[in-house]
Amino acid sequence: MSFVKILSLVLLMGVFSVQACFSQGFFKRHRSNSTEMPDSLLKPYMLPELTIKTSRKAYASNYARTKSYVLKTISLANFIRDLNSEIDNSLVAMGKKRDKKKYLKAEREKLFSSFSDIVKDMSLREGQVFNKLVYRQAGITTYEIIEKYQGGLKAVMWQSVSRLGGANLKLTYDPYYSDKVIEDVMKQIESGKLKTPRIPRTVEEFNNPVYD
């Protein structure tokens, strides 16, 4: 198992959070360029506005792939959204720090037991779409979830590790540009034109979504 996938299991309560490192190319190292000009010599220039058009065939192919990723991960993202709200409400009702810590540990163990194999099986793109959908559905980044449940120090630590690999745990969601195709699929789901599969119980169900 890769180092990043091990981290994704260790850090859940951050919503399989370091899966975000894996999904955004954690092992892609950026080489420095000795010929780069210092910032002080760079001047801003206004570039002409460009309109990028995509053929229907290219869009259809992209949409089909993206729809597959969304249908495989949306139920998990919705589950995390609901669990995040449930945990917040439960923690408010608990007075002692010891009780909160015990509760969070129990929740982590349940999540590992239920979904660890599925997380390990996620591809690069599936992990990325999953994290984007978590932000869309829950309104919170994986960085913020780690911060809530693991503490600010660990959140900063893992963000630093992620940035070294070119990833970013503060990944959000842009329905109008970079995530437009994901948003198109979500609109189909929300309008009832696409059904949402049930939460996968096994790797097989994750790869072949089941509809009740």
N, C-alpha and C. Protein backbone atom coordinates (compact mmCIF):
# COMPACT_ATOMS: atom_id res chain seq x y z
N MET A 1 0.85 -1.18 0.00
CA MET A 1 0.00 0.00 0.00
C MET A 1 0.89 1.24 0.00
N SER A 2 0.53 2.26 -0.79
CA SER A 2 1.36 3.45 -0.88
C SER A 2 1.32 4.25 0.42
N PHE A 3 2.38 5.04 0.64
CA PHE A 3 2.49 5.86 1.84
C PHE A 3 1.29 6.78 2.00
N VAL A 4 0.87 7.39 0.89
CA VAL A 4 -0.25 8.33 0.97
C VAL A 4 -1.54 7.62 1.34
N LYS A 5 -1.75 6.42 0.82
CA LYS A 5 -2.98 5.71 1.17
C LYS A 5 -2.97 5.27 2.62
N ILE A 6 -1.80 4.95 3.16
CA ILE A 6 -1.71 4.65 4.59
C ILE A 6 -2.11 5.88 5.39
N LEU A 7 -1.63 7.04 4.97
CA LEU A 7 -1.98 8.28 5.66
C LEU A 7 -3.47 8.54 5.59
N SER A 8 -4.07 8.21 4.45
CA SER A 8 -5.50 8.46 4.30
C SER A 8 -6.30 7.64 5.30
N LEU A 9 -5.79 6.45 5.65
CA LEU A 9 -6.47 5.63 6.64
C LEU A 9 -6.23 6.16 8.04
N VAL A 10 -4.99 6.57 8.32
CA VAL A 10 -4.64 7.05 9.65
C VAL A 10 -5.39 8.32 10.00
N LEU A 11 -5.63 9.15 9.01
CA LEU A 11 -6.18 10.48 9.27
C LEU A 11 -7.68 10.60 9.09
N LEU A 12 -8.37 9.53 8.87
CA LEU A 12 -9.82 9.70 8.68
C LEU A 12 -10.44 10.24 9.96
N MET A 13 -11.38 11.04 9.81
CA MET A 13 -12.01 12.03 10.65
C MET A 13 -11.65 13.31 9.96
N GLY A 14 -10.67 13.25 9.08
CA GLY A 14 -10.46 14.29 8.12
C GLY A 14 -11.03 13.81 6.81
N VAL A 15 -12.06 12.99 6.84
CA VAL A 15 -12.74 12.54 5.64
C VAL A 15 -11.79 11.93 4.65
N PHE A 16 -11.05 10.90 5.06
CA PHE A 16 -10.07 10.28 4.19
C PHE A 16 -9.16 11.38 3.66
N SER A 17 -8.83 12.33 4.52
CA SER A 17 -8.32 13.62 4.07
C SER A 17 -7.05 13.57 3.26
N VAL A 18 -6.09 12.76 3.65
CA VAL A 18 -4.85 12.79 2.89
C VAL A 18 -4.99 12.02 1.59
N GLN A 19 -6.15 11.40 1.36
CA GLN A 19 -6.47 10.91 0.02
C GLN A 19 -6.40 12.08 -0.95
N ALA A 20 -6.64 13.29 -0.45
CA ALA A 20 -6.54 14.47 -1.30
C ALA A 20 -5.13 14.65 -1.82
N CYS A 21 -4.14 14.33 -0.97
CA CYS A 21 -2.75 14.39 -1.43
C CYS A 21 -2.54 13.42 -2.58
N PHE A 22 -3.05 12.21 -2.39
CA PHE A 22 -2.90 11.17 -3.40
C PHE A 22 -3.61 11.57 -4.68
N SER A 23 -4.85 12.09 -4.55
CA SER A 23 -5.64 12.39 -5.72
C SER A 23 -5.11 13.57 -6.51
N GLN A 24 -4.32 14.42 -5.89
CA GLN A 24 -3.79 15.59 -6.60
C GLN A 24 -2.33 15.41 -7.00
N GLY A 25 -1.85 14.17 -7.04
CA GLY A 25 -0.50 13.93 -7.52
C GLY A 25 0.56 14.19 -6.48
N PHE A 26 0.42 13.54 -5.31
CA PHE A 26 1.32 13.79 -4.18
C PHE A 26 2.78 13.54 -4.54
N PHE A 27 3.04 12.55 -5.38
CA PHE A 27 4.42 12.18 -5.66
C PHE A 27 5.02 12.93 -6.84
N LYS A 28 4.31 13.89 -7.40
CA LYS A 28 4.85 14.69 -8.49
C LYS A 28 5.71 15.80 -7.91
N ARG A 29 6.97 15.70 -8.06
CA ARG A 29 7.89 16.69 -7.52
C ARG A 29 8.14 17.79 -8.53
N HIS A 30 8.20 19.02 -8.04
CA HIS A 30 8.44 20.16 -8.90
C HIS A 30 9.91 20.53 -8.85
N ARG A 31 10.57 20.43 -10.00
CA ARG A 31 11.98 20.76 -10.05
C ARG A 31 12.15 22.27 -10.21
N SER A 32 13.11 22.81 -9.49
CA SER A 32 13.37 24.23 -9.60
C SER A 32 14.08 24.52 -10.91
N ASN A 33 13.87 25.72 -11.44
CA ASN A 33 14.47 26.14 -12.69
C ASN A 33 15.44 27.26 -12.40
N SER A 34 16.74 27.01 -12.59
CA SER A 34 17.75 27.99 -12.23
C SER A 34 17.73 29.20 -13.13
N THR A 35 17.03 29.11 -14.27
CA THR A 35 17.00 30.24 -15.19
C THR A 35 15.82 31.16 -14.95
N GLU A 36 15.00 30.86 -13.94
CA GLU A 36 13.83 31.70 -13.66
C GLU A 36 14.27 33.09 -13.24
N MET A 37 13.53 34.09 -13.67
CA MET A 37 13.83 35.46 -13.31
C MET A 37 13.30 35.76 -11.92
N PRO A 38 13.98 36.56 -11.13
CA PRO A 38 13.46 36.95 -9.83
C PRO A 38 12.17 37.75 -9.98
N ASP A 39 11.33 37.67 -8.93
CA ASP A 39 10.03 38.33 -8.99
C ASP A 39 10.15 39.83 -9.26
N SER A 40 11.23 40.43 -8.76
CA SER A 40 11.39 41.87 -8.91
C SER A 40 11.53 42.30 -10.36
N LEU A 41 11.91 41.35 -11.26
CA LEU A 41 12.11 41.69 -12.66
C LEU A 41 10.88 41.40 -13.52
N LEU A 42 9.88 40.78 -12.90
CA LEU A 42 8.69 40.42 -13.64
C LEU A 42 7.70 41.56 -13.63
N LYS A 43 7.05 41.80 -14.77
CA LYS A 43 6.07 42.87 -14.88
C LYS A 43 4.73 42.26 -15.28
N PRO A 44 3.65 42.78 -14.70
CA PRO A 44 2.33 42.24 -15.06
C PRO A 44 1.91 42.69 -16.45
N TYR A 45 1.29 41.80 -17.19
CA TYR A 45 0.77 42.13 -18.51
C TYR A 45 -0.67 41.65 -18.59
N MET A 46 -1.51 42.40 -19.25
CA MET A 46 -2.90 42.01 -19.47
C MET A 46 -2.95 41.13 -20.71
N LEU A 47 -3.44 39.92 -20.55
CA LEU A 47 -3.57 39.01 -21.67
C LEU A 47 -4.93 39.16 -22.32
N PRO A 48 -5.02 39.00 -23.61
CA PRO A 48 -6.33 39.11 -24.27
C PRO A 48 -7.27 38.01 -23.81
N GLU A 49 -8.54 38.33 -23.71
CA GLU A 49 -9.53 37.35 -23.27
C GLU A 49 -9.69 36.28 -24.33
N LEU A 50 -9.70 35.03 -23.88
CA LEU A 50 -9.82 33.90 -24.80
C LEU A 50 -11.10 33.14 -24.54
N THR A 51 -11.72 32.65 -25.58
CA THR A 51 -12.88 31.78 -25.45
C THR A 51 -12.48 30.40 -25.92
N ILE A 52 -12.52 29.45 -25.01
CA ILE A 52 -12.11 28.08 -25.33
C ILE A 52 -13.35 27.25 -25.59
N LYS A 53 -13.44 26.68 -26.77
CA LYS A 53 -14.60 25.89 -27.14
C LYS A 53 -14.22 24.40 -27.15
N THR A 54 -15.14 23.59 -26.69
CA THR A 54 -14.93 22.15 -26.66
C THR A 54 -15.94 21.49 -27.59
N SER A 55 -15.48 20.55 -28.38
CA SER A 55 -16.40 19.86 -29.28
C SER A 55 -17.40 19.04 -28.49
N ARG A 56 -18.54 18.78 -29.10
CA ARG A 56 -19.56 17.98 -28.42
C ARG A 56 -19.04 16.58 -28.09
N LYS A 57 -18.24 16.04 -28.99
CA LYS A 57 -17.69 14.70 -28.77
C LYS A 57 -16.76 14.68 -27.57
N ALA A 58 -15.89 15.71 -27.48
CA ALA A 58 -14.95 15.78 -26.36
C ALA A 58 -15.69 15.98 -25.05
N TYR A 59 -16.73 16.84 -25.07
CA TYR A 59 -17.50 17.08 -23.85
C TYR A 59 -18.23 15.81 -23.42
N ALA A 60 -18.82 15.12 -24.40
CA ALA A 60 -19.58 13.90 -24.09
C ALA A 60 -18.67 12.86 -23.45
N SER A 61 -17.45 12.74 -23.95
CA SER A 61 -16.50 11.78 -23.39
C SER A 61 -16.11 12.17 -21.97
N ASN A 62 -15.84 13.45 -21.76
CA ASN A 62 -15.48 13.95 -20.43
C ASN A 62 -16.65 13.79 -19.47
N TYR A 63 -17.85 14.09 -19.95
CA TYR A 63 -19.05 13.97 -19.12
C TYR A 63 -19.27 12.52 -18.68
N ALA A 64 -19.09 11.59 -19.61
CA ALA A 64 -19.31 10.17 -19.29
C ALA A 64 -18.34 9.70 -18.21
N ARG A 65 -17.07 10.08 -18.34
CA ARG A 65 -16.08 9.69 -17.32
C ARG A 65 -16.41 10.33 -15.97
N THR A 66 -16.72 11.63 -16.02
CA THR A 66 -17.00 12.36 -14.78
C THR A 66 -18.26 11.82 -14.10
N LYS A 67 -19.27 11.49 -14.89
CA LYS A 67 -20.50 10.92 -14.32
C LYS A 67 -20.21 9.63 -13.57
N SER A 68 -19.33 8.83 -14.14
CA SER A 68 -18.95 7.58 -13.47
C SER A 68 -18.29 7.86 -12.13
N TYR A 69 -17.37 8.84 -12.08
CA TYR A 69 -16.69 9.18 -10.83
C TYR A 69 -17.67 9.74 -9.81
N VAL A 70 -18.57 10.59 -10.26
CA VAL A 70 -19.53 11.21 -9.34
C VAL A 70 -20.47 10.16 -8.75
N LEU A 71 -20.99 9.27 -9.59
CA LEU A 71 -21.92 8.26 -9.10
C LEU A 71 -21.24 7.28 -8.15
N LYS A 72 -19.94 7.08 -8.31
CA LYS A 72 -19.22 6.19 -7.40
C LYS A 72 -18.94 6.83 -6.05
N THR A 73 -18.87 8.16 -6.02
CA THR A 73 -18.42 8.84 -4.79
C THR A 73 -19.47 9.72 -4.11
N ILE A 74 -20.57 10.03 -4.78
CA ILE A 74 -21.52 11.00 -4.22
C ILE A 74 -22.17 10.49 -2.93
N SER A 75 -22.48 9.21 -2.86
CA SER A 75 -23.11 8.69 -1.64
C SER A 75 -22.17 8.78 -0.45
N LEU A 76 -20.88 8.55 -0.69
CA LEU A 76 -19.89 8.69 0.38
C LEU A 76 -19.76 10.15 0.81
N ALA A 77 -19.77 11.06 -0.17
CA ALA A 77 -19.68 12.49 0.15
C ALA A 77 -20.89 12.94 0.96
N ASN A 78 -22.08 12.46 0.58
CA ASN A 78 -23.29 12.80 1.34
C ASN A 78 -23.24 12.21 2.75
N PHE A 79 -22.69 11.00 2.84
CA PHE A 79 -22.55 10.36 4.15
C PHE A 79 -21.64 11.20 5.05
N ILE A 80 -20.51 11.66 4.51
CA ILE A 80 -19.59 12.49 5.28
C ILE A 80 -20.25 13.79 5.69
N ARG A 81 -21.02 14.39 4.79
CA ARG A 81 -21.76 15.61 5.12
C ARG A 81 -22.68 15.39 6.31
N ASP A 82 -23.46 14.32 6.26
CA ASP A 82 -24.40 14.03 7.35
C ASP A 82 -23.67 13.67 8.63
N LEU A 83 -22.58 12.91 8.50
CA LEU A 83 -21.82 12.51 9.67
C LEU A 83 -21.16 13.72 10.34
N ASN A 84 -20.67 14.64 9.53
CA ASN A 84 -20.05 15.85 10.05
C ASN A 84 -21.04 16.64 10.91
N SER A 85 -22.26 16.75 10.40
CA SER A 85 -23.31 17.45 11.15
C SER A 85 -23.68 16.69 12.43
N GLU A 86 -23.79 15.37 12.32
CA GLU A 86 -24.15 14.54 13.48
C GLU A 86 -23.08 14.62 14.57
N ILE A 87 -21.82 14.56 14.17
CA ILE A 87 -20.73 14.62 15.14
C ILE A 87 -20.70 15.97 15.83
N ASP A 88 -20.89 17.04 15.05
CA ASP A 88 -20.91 18.38 15.64
C ASP A 88 -21.99 18.48 16.71
N ASN A 89 -23.18 17.98 16.39
CA ASN A 89 -24.29 18.05 17.35
C ASN A 89 -24.00 17.21 18.59
N SER A 90 -23.39 16.05 18.39
CA SER A 90 -23.07 15.17 19.52
C SER A 90 -22.01 15.80 20.42
N LEU A 91 -21.01 16.43 19.82
CA LEU A 91 -19.93 17.03 20.60
C LEU A 91 -20.43 18.20 21.44
N VAL A 92 -21.40 18.94 20.91
CA VAL A 92 -21.97 20.06 21.65
C VAL A 92 -22.62 19.58 22.94
N ALA A 93 -23.23 18.39 22.87
CA ALA A 93 -23.94 17.85 24.03
C ALA A 93 -23.00 17.22 25.06
N MET A 94 -21.74 17.05 24.70
CA MET A 94 -20.77 16.44 25.62
C MET A 94 -19.99 17.52 26.35
N GLY A 95 -19.89 17.36 27.64
CA GLY A 95 -19.18 18.36 28.43
C GLY A 95 -17.71 18.09 28.62
N LYS A 96 -17.37 16.83 28.89
CA LYS A 96 -15.99 16.49 29.22
C LYS A 96 -15.15 16.23 27.96
N LYS A 97 -13.94 16.73 28.00
CA LYS A 97 -13.02 16.54 26.89
C LYS A 97 -12.72 15.06 26.69
N ARG A 98 -12.64 14.32 27.79
CA ARG A 98 -12.37 12.88 27.71
C ARG A 98 -13.48 12.15 26.96
N ASP A 99 -14.73 12.55 27.21
CA ASP A 99 -15.86 11.92 26.52
C ASP A 99 -15.83 12.22 25.02
N LYS A 100 -15.45 13.45 24.68
CA LYS A 100 -15.37 13.83 23.26
C LYS A 100 -14.29 13.03 22.55
N LYS A 101 -13.15 12.88 23.21
CA LYS A 101 -12.04 12.14 22.63
C LYS A 101 -12.41 10.68 22.41
N LYS A 102 -13.10 10.09 23.40
CA LYS A 102 -13.53 8.70 23.29
C LYS A 102 -14.54 8.53 22.17
N TYR A 103 -15.44 9.48 22.05
CA TYR A 103 -16.47 9.45 21.01
C TYR A 103 -15.84 9.53 19.61
N LEU A 104 -14.90 10.44 19.43
CA LEU A 104 -14.25 10.60 18.14
C LEU A 104 -13.45 9.36 17.76
N LYS A 105 -12.81 8.76 18.75
CA LYS A 105 -12.05 7.53 18.49
C LYS A 105 -12.98 6.43 18.01
N ALA A 106 -14.14 6.30 18.66
CA ALA A 106 -15.10 5.27 18.27
C ALA A 106 -15.61 5.51 16.85
N GLU A 107 -15.84 6.77 16.50
CA GLU A 107 -16.31 7.10 15.16
C GLU A 107 -15.25 6.78 14.12
N ARG A 108 -13.99 7.08 14.43
CA ARG A 108 -12.89 6.77 13.51
C ARG A 108 -12.83 5.27 13.24
N GLU A 109 -12.95 4.49 14.33
CA GLU A 109 -12.85 3.03 14.18
C GLU A 109 -13.99 2.49 13.32
N LYS A 110 -15.19 3.05 13.47
CA LYS A 110 -16.33 2.61 12.66
C LYS A 110 -16.11 2.94 11.19
N LEU A 111 -15.57 4.14 10.94
CA LEU A 111 -15.33 4.57 9.57
C LEU A 111 -14.26 3.71 8.91
N PHE A 112 -13.19 3.43 9.64
CA PHE A 112 -12.13 2.58 9.10
C PHE A 112 -12.69 1.21 8.76
N SER A 113 -13.47 0.66 9.67
CA SER A 113 -14.03 -0.66 9.47
C SER A 113 -14.94 -0.72 8.24
N SER A 114 -15.69 0.35 8.03
CA SER A 114 -16.68 0.37 6.95
C SER A 114 -16.09 0.73 5.59
N PHE A 115 -15.13 1.66 5.56
CA PHE A 115 -14.74 2.24 4.28
C PHE A 115 -13.25 2.19 3.93
N SER A 116 -12.41 1.62 4.79
CA SER A 116 -10.98 1.66 4.52
C SER A 116 -10.62 0.95 3.21
N ASP A 117 -11.23 -0.19 2.93
CA ASP A 117 -10.92 -0.91 1.70
C ASP A 117 -11.34 -0.10 0.47
N ILE A 118 -12.46 0.60 0.58
CA ILE A 118 -12.94 1.41 -0.54
C ILE A 118 -11.98 2.56 -0.81
N VAL A 119 -11.53 3.23 0.26
CA VAL A 119 -10.59 4.34 0.09
C VAL A 119 -9.30 3.87 -0.56
N LYS A 120 -8.81 2.71 -0.13
CA LYS A 120 -7.58 2.18 -0.70
C LYS A 120 -7.73 1.86 -2.18
N ASP A 121 -8.96 1.59 -2.61
CA ASP A 121 -9.19 1.21 -4.00
C ASP A 121 -9.44 2.41 -4.90
N MET A 122 -9.61 3.60 -4.34
CA MET A 122 -9.91 4.78 -5.14
C MET A 122 -8.75 5.11 -6.08
N SER A 123 -9.10 5.48 -7.30
CA SER A 123 -8.09 5.94 -8.24
C SER A 123 -7.76 7.40 -7.95
N LEU A 124 -6.77 7.93 -8.67
CA LEU A 124 -6.39 9.33 -8.50
C LEU A 124 -7.58 10.26 -8.72
N ARG A 125 -8.25 10.09 -9.83
CA ARG A 125 -9.35 10.99 -10.18
C ARG A 125 -10.55 10.79 -9.26
N GLU A 126 -10.83 9.56 -8.87
CA GLU A 126 -11.94 9.30 -7.96
C GLU A 126 -11.72 9.99 -6.62
N GLY A 127 -10.48 9.93 -6.12
CA GLY A 127 -10.18 10.61 -4.86
C GLY A 127 -10.35 12.10 -4.96
N GLN A 128 -9.95 12.67 -6.10
CA GLN A 128 -10.09 14.10 -6.29
C GLN A 128 -11.55 14.52 -6.34
N VAL A 129 -12.35 13.77 -7.13
CA VAL A 129 -13.78 14.08 -7.24
C VAL A 129 -14.47 13.92 -5.89
N PHE A 130 -14.10 12.87 -5.15
CA PHE A 130 -14.67 12.66 -3.82
C PHE A 130 -14.43 13.87 -2.92
N ASN A 131 -13.20 14.37 -2.88
CA ASN A 131 -12.89 15.51 -2.03
C ASN A 131 -13.61 16.77 -2.48
N LYS A 132 -13.75 16.96 -3.78
CA LYS A 132 -14.47 18.11 -4.29
C LYS A 132 -15.95 18.03 -3.91
N LEU A 133 -16.51 16.83 -3.98
CA LEU A 133 -17.92 16.66 -3.63
C LEU A 133 -18.14 16.85 -2.13
N VAL A 134 -17.17 16.45 -1.32
CA VAL A 134 -17.28 16.70 0.12
C VAL A 134 -17.40 18.20 0.37
N TYR A 135 -16.57 18.97 -0.32
CA TYR A 135 -16.65 20.43 -0.14
C TYR A 135 -17.99 20.96 -0.66
N ARG A 136 -18.43 20.47 -1.80
CA ARG A 136 -19.71 20.95 -2.36
C ARG A 136 -20.87 20.63 -1.43
N GLN A 137 -20.88 19.43 -0.89
CA GLN A 137 -22.01 18.99 -0.08
C GLN A 137 -21.95 19.48 1.36
N ALA A 138 -20.75 19.50 1.93
CA ALA A 138 -20.60 19.86 3.35
C ALA A 138 -20.17 21.31 3.56
N GLY A 139 -19.66 21.95 2.50
CA GLY A 139 -19.22 23.33 2.62
C GLY A 139 -17.98 23.50 3.46
N ILE A 140 -17.11 22.47 3.48
CA ILE A 140 -15.92 22.52 4.31
C ILE A 140 -14.81 21.75 3.60
N THR A 141 -13.59 22.26 3.68
CA THR A 141 -12.46 21.60 3.03
C THR A 141 -11.92 20.47 3.89
N THR A 142 -11.13 19.60 3.27
CA THR A 142 -10.52 18.54 4.06
C THR A 142 -9.57 19.11 5.11
N TYR A 143 -8.92 20.22 4.79
CA TYR A 143 -8.04 20.88 5.77
C TYR A 143 -8.85 21.29 7.00
N GLU A 144 -10.01 21.87 6.78
CA GLU A 144 -10.84 22.33 7.89
C GLU A 144 -11.38 21.17 8.71
N ILE A 145 -11.64 20.05 8.05
CA ILE A 145 -12.13 18.89 8.78
C ILE A 145 -11.03 18.31 9.67
N ILE A 146 -9.81 18.24 9.13
CA ILE A 146 -8.69 17.80 9.97
C ILE A 146 -8.52 18.74 11.15
N GLU A 147 -8.63 20.03 10.88
CA GLU A 147 -8.47 21.03 11.94
C GLU A 147 -9.52 20.86 13.03
N LYS A 148 -10.75 20.55 12.63
CA LYS A 148 -11.84 20.38 13.59
C LYS A 148 -11.63 19.18 14.49
N TYR A 149 -11.26 18.05 13.88
CA TYR A 149 -11.26 16.79 14.61
C TYR A 149 -9.88 16.31 15.03
N GLN A 150 -8.82 16.85 14.40
CA GLN A 150 -7.47 16.44 14.75
C GLN A 150 -6.67 17.59 15.36
N GLY A 151 -7.15 18.81 15.20
CA GLY A 151 -6.45 19.96 15.77
C GLY A 151 -5.69 20.75 14.73
N GLY A 152 -5.47 22.03 15.03
CA GLY A 152 -4.81 22.92 14.09
C GLY A 152 -3.39 22.52 13.75
N LEU A 153 -2.67 21.98 14.73
CA LEU A 153 -1.28 21.60 14.50
C LEU A 153 -1.16 20.52 13.45
N LYS A 154 -2.01 19.49 13.56
CA LYS A 154 -1.97 18.42 12.57
C LYS A 154 -2.43 18.90 11.21
N ALA A 155 -3.41 19.82 11.21
CA ALA A 155 -3.88 20.35 9.94
C ALA A 155 -2.75 21.09 9.22
N VAL A 156 -2.03 21.92 9.96
CA VAL A 156 -0.90 22.66 9.37
C VAL A 156 0.19 21.69 8.91
N MET A 157 0.45 20.69 9.73
CA MET A 157 1.49 19.72 9.40
C MET A 157 1.18 19.01 8.09
N TRP A 158 -0.05 18.48 7.96
CA TRP A 158 -0.39 17.73 6.77
C TRP A 158 -0.54 18.64 5.55
N GLN A 159 -0.94 19.88 5.77
CA GLN A 159 -0.98 20.81 4.64
C GLN A 159 0.43 21.09 4.14
N SER A 160 1.38 21.21 5.06
CA SER A 160 2.77 21.44 4.67
C SER A 160 3.33 20.26 3.88
N VAL A 161 3.02 19.05 4.37
CA VAL A 161 3.46 17.85 3.66
C VAL A 161 2.83 17.80 2.27
N SER A 162 1.57 18.14 2.20
CA SER A 162 0.85 18.12 0.92
C SER A 162 1.44 19.12 -0.07
N ARG A 163 1.73 20.32 0.41
CA ARG A 163 2.26 21.36 -0.48
C ARG A 163 3.63 20.98 -1.01
N LEU A 164 4.41 20.26 -0.23
CA LEU A 164 5.72 19.80 -0.70
C LEU A 164 5.56 18.90 -1.92
N GLY A 165 4.46 18.17 -1.96
CA GLY A 165 4.20 17.28 -3.08
C GLY A 165 3.36 17.92 -4.17
N GLY A 166 3.07 19.22 -4.03
CA GLY A 166 2.28 19.91 -5.04
C GLY A 166 0.78 19.77 -4.87
N ALA A 167 0.33 19.21 -3.74
CA ALA A 167 -1.10 19.06 -3.48
C ALA A 167 -1.58 20.15 -2.53
N ASN A 168 -2.87 20.14 -2.25
CA ASN A 168 -3.45 21.19 -1.42
C ASN A 168 -4.69 20.67 -0.71
N LEU A 169 -4.64 20.56 0.61
CA LEU A 169 -5.78 20.09 1.39
C LEU A 169 -6.88 21.14 1.51
N LYS A 170 -6.59 22.35 1.03
CA LYS A 170 -7.59 23.42 1.07
C LYS A 170 -8.36 23.49 -0.25
N LEU A 171 -8.35 22.40 -0.97
CA LEU A 171 -9.05 22.31 -2.24
C LEU A 171 -10.53 22.61 -2.07
N THR A 172 -11.07 23.47 -2.92
CA THR A 172 -12.50 23.80 -2.86
C THR A 172 -13.21 23.32 -4.13
N TYR A 173 -14.24 24.03 -4.54
CA TYR A 173 -15.08 23.58 -5.65
C TYR A 173 -15.51 24.77 -6.48
N ASP A 174 -15.31 24.68 -7.78
CA ASP A 174 -15.66 25.78 -8.68
C ASP A 174 -16.66 25.28 -9.71
N PRO A 175 -17.97 25.48 -9.45
CA PRO A 175 -18.99 24.94 -10.34
C PRO A 175 -19.07 25.63 -11.70
N TYR A 176 -18.44 26.78 -11.84
CA TYR A 176 -18.54 27.55 -13.07
C TYR A 176 -17.37 27.36 -14.03
N TYR A 177 -16.26 26.81 -13.52
CA TYR A 177 -15.09 26.68 -14.39
C TYR A 177 -14.45 25.31 -14.28
N SER A 178 -13.54 25.12 -13.33
CA SER A 178 -12.77 23.88 -13.28
C SER A 178 -13.62 22.65 -12.97
N ASP A 179 -14.73 22.85 -12.25
CA ASP A 179 -15.59 21.72 -11.86
C ASP A 179 -16.95 21.78 -12.55
N LYS A 180 -16.99 22.43 -13.71
CA LYS A 180 -18.26 22.62 -14.42
C LYS A 180 -18.89 21.29 -14.80
N VAL A 181 -18.10 20.33 -15.25
CA VAL A 181 -18.67 19.05 -15.68
C VAL A 181 -19.21 18.28 -14.47
N ILE A 182 -18.50 18.33 -13.34
CA ILE A 182 -19.00 17.71 -12.12
C ILE A 182 -20.34 18.34 -11.75
N GLU A 183 -20.41 19.66 -11.85
CA GLU A 183 -21.65 20.38 -11.51
C GLU A 183 -22.78 19.98 -12.45
N ASP A 184 -22.48 19.78 -13.72
CA ASP A 184 -23.52 19.34 -14.67
C ASP A 184 -24.10 18.00 -14.25
N VAL A 185 -23.24 17.09 -13.81
CA VAL A 185 -23.71 15.78 -13.35
C VAL A 185 -24.55 15.95 -12.08
N MET A 186 -24.10 16.80 -11.16
CA MET A 186 -24.83 17.02 -9.91
C MET A 186 -26.21 17.62 -10.17
N LYS A 187 -26.31 18.49 -11.15
CA LYS A 187 -27.61 19.08 -11.50
C LYS A 187 -28.57 17.99 -12.01
N GLN A 188 -28.02 17.03 -12.74
CA GLN A 188 -28.84 15.92 -13.21
C GLN A 188 -29.34 15.08 -12.03
N ILE A 189 -28.49 14.88 -11.04
CA ILE A 189 -28.88 14.13 -9.84
C ILE A 189 -29.94 14.88 -9.06
N GLU A 190 -29.71 16.17 -8.86
CA GLU A 190 -30.63 16.97 -8.05
C GLU A 190 -31.98 17.19 -8.72
N SER A 191 -32.02 17.10 -10.04
CA SER A 191 -33.29 17.25 -10.76
C SER A 191 -34.04 15.93 -10.86
N GLY A 192 -33.41 14.85 -10.40
CA GLY A 192 -34.04 13.54 -10.43
C GLY A 192 -33.82 12.78 -11.73
N LYS A 193 -33.02 13.34 -12.64
CA LYS A 193 -32.76 12.67 -13.92
C LYS A 193 -31.74 11.55 -13.77
N LEU A 194 -30.93 11.63 -12.73
CA LEU A 194 -29.99 10.56 -12.39
C LEU A 194 -30.26 10.12 -10.96
N LYS A 195 -30.27 8.82 -10.73
CA LYS A 195 -30.48 8.31 -9.38
C LYS A 195 -29.17 8.28 -8.61
N THR A 196 -29.28 8.47 -7.30
CA THR A 196 -28.11 8.37 -6.43
C THR A 196 -28.00 6.93 -5.91
N PRO A 197 -26.88 6.29 -6.12
CA PRO A 197 -26.73 4.91 -5.61
C PRO A 197 -26.64 4.90 -4.10
N ARG A 198 -26.82 3.74 -3.52
CA ARG A 198 -26.70 3.62 -2.07
C ARG A 198 -25.23 3.69 -1.66
N ILE A 199 -24.98 3.90 -0.39
CA ILE A 199 -23.61 3.94 0.12
C ILE A 199 -22.96 2.58 -0.12
N PRO A 200 -21.81 2.54 -0.78
CA PRO A 200 -21.17 1.25 -1.06
C PRO A 200 -20.72 0.55 0.22
N ARG A 201 -20.95 -0.73 0.28
CA ARG A 201 -20.56 -1.53 1.45
C ARG A 201 -19.29 -2.32 1.19
N THR A 202 -18.96 -2.50 -0.08
CA THR A 202 -17.77 -3.25 -0.45
C THR A 202 -17.08 -2.54 -1.62
N VAL A 203 -15.87 -2.97 -1.93
CA VAL A 203 -15.14 -2.42 -3.08
C VAL A 203 -15.91 -2.71 -4.36
N GLU A 204 -16.48 -3.90 -4.44
CA GLU A 204 -17.26 -4.27 -5.63
C GLU A 204 -18.44 -3.32 -5.83
N GLU A 205 -19.13 -2.99 -4.74
CA GLU A 205 -20.26 -2.07 -4.85
C GLU A 205 -19.79 -0.65 -5.18
N PHE A 206 -18.59 -0.30 -4.72
CA PHE A 206 -18.05 1.01 -5.07
C PHE A 206 -17.79 1.10 -6.57
N ASN A 207 -17.20 0.05 -7.13
CA ASN A 207 -16.87 0.05 -8.54
C ASN A 207 -18.08 -0.21 -9.45
N ASN A 208 -19.12 -0.79 -8.85
CA ASN A 208 -20.36 -1.05 -9.59
C ASN A 208 -21.52 -0.59 -8.73
N PRO A 209 -21.83 0.72 -8.73
CA PRO A 209 -22.84 1.29 -7.83
C PRO A 209 -24.16 0.52 -7.86
N VAL A 210 -24.74 0.36 -6.67
CA VAL A 210 -25.98 -0.38 -6.49
C VAL A 210 -27.10 0.61 -6.18
N TYR A 211 -28.23 0.41 -6.85
CA TYR A 211 -29.39 1.27 -6.65
C TYR A 211 -30.50 0.47 -5.98
N ASP A 212 -30.98 0.95 -4.85
CA ASP A 212 -32.04 0.24 -4.13
C ASP A 212 -33.38 0.45 -4.82
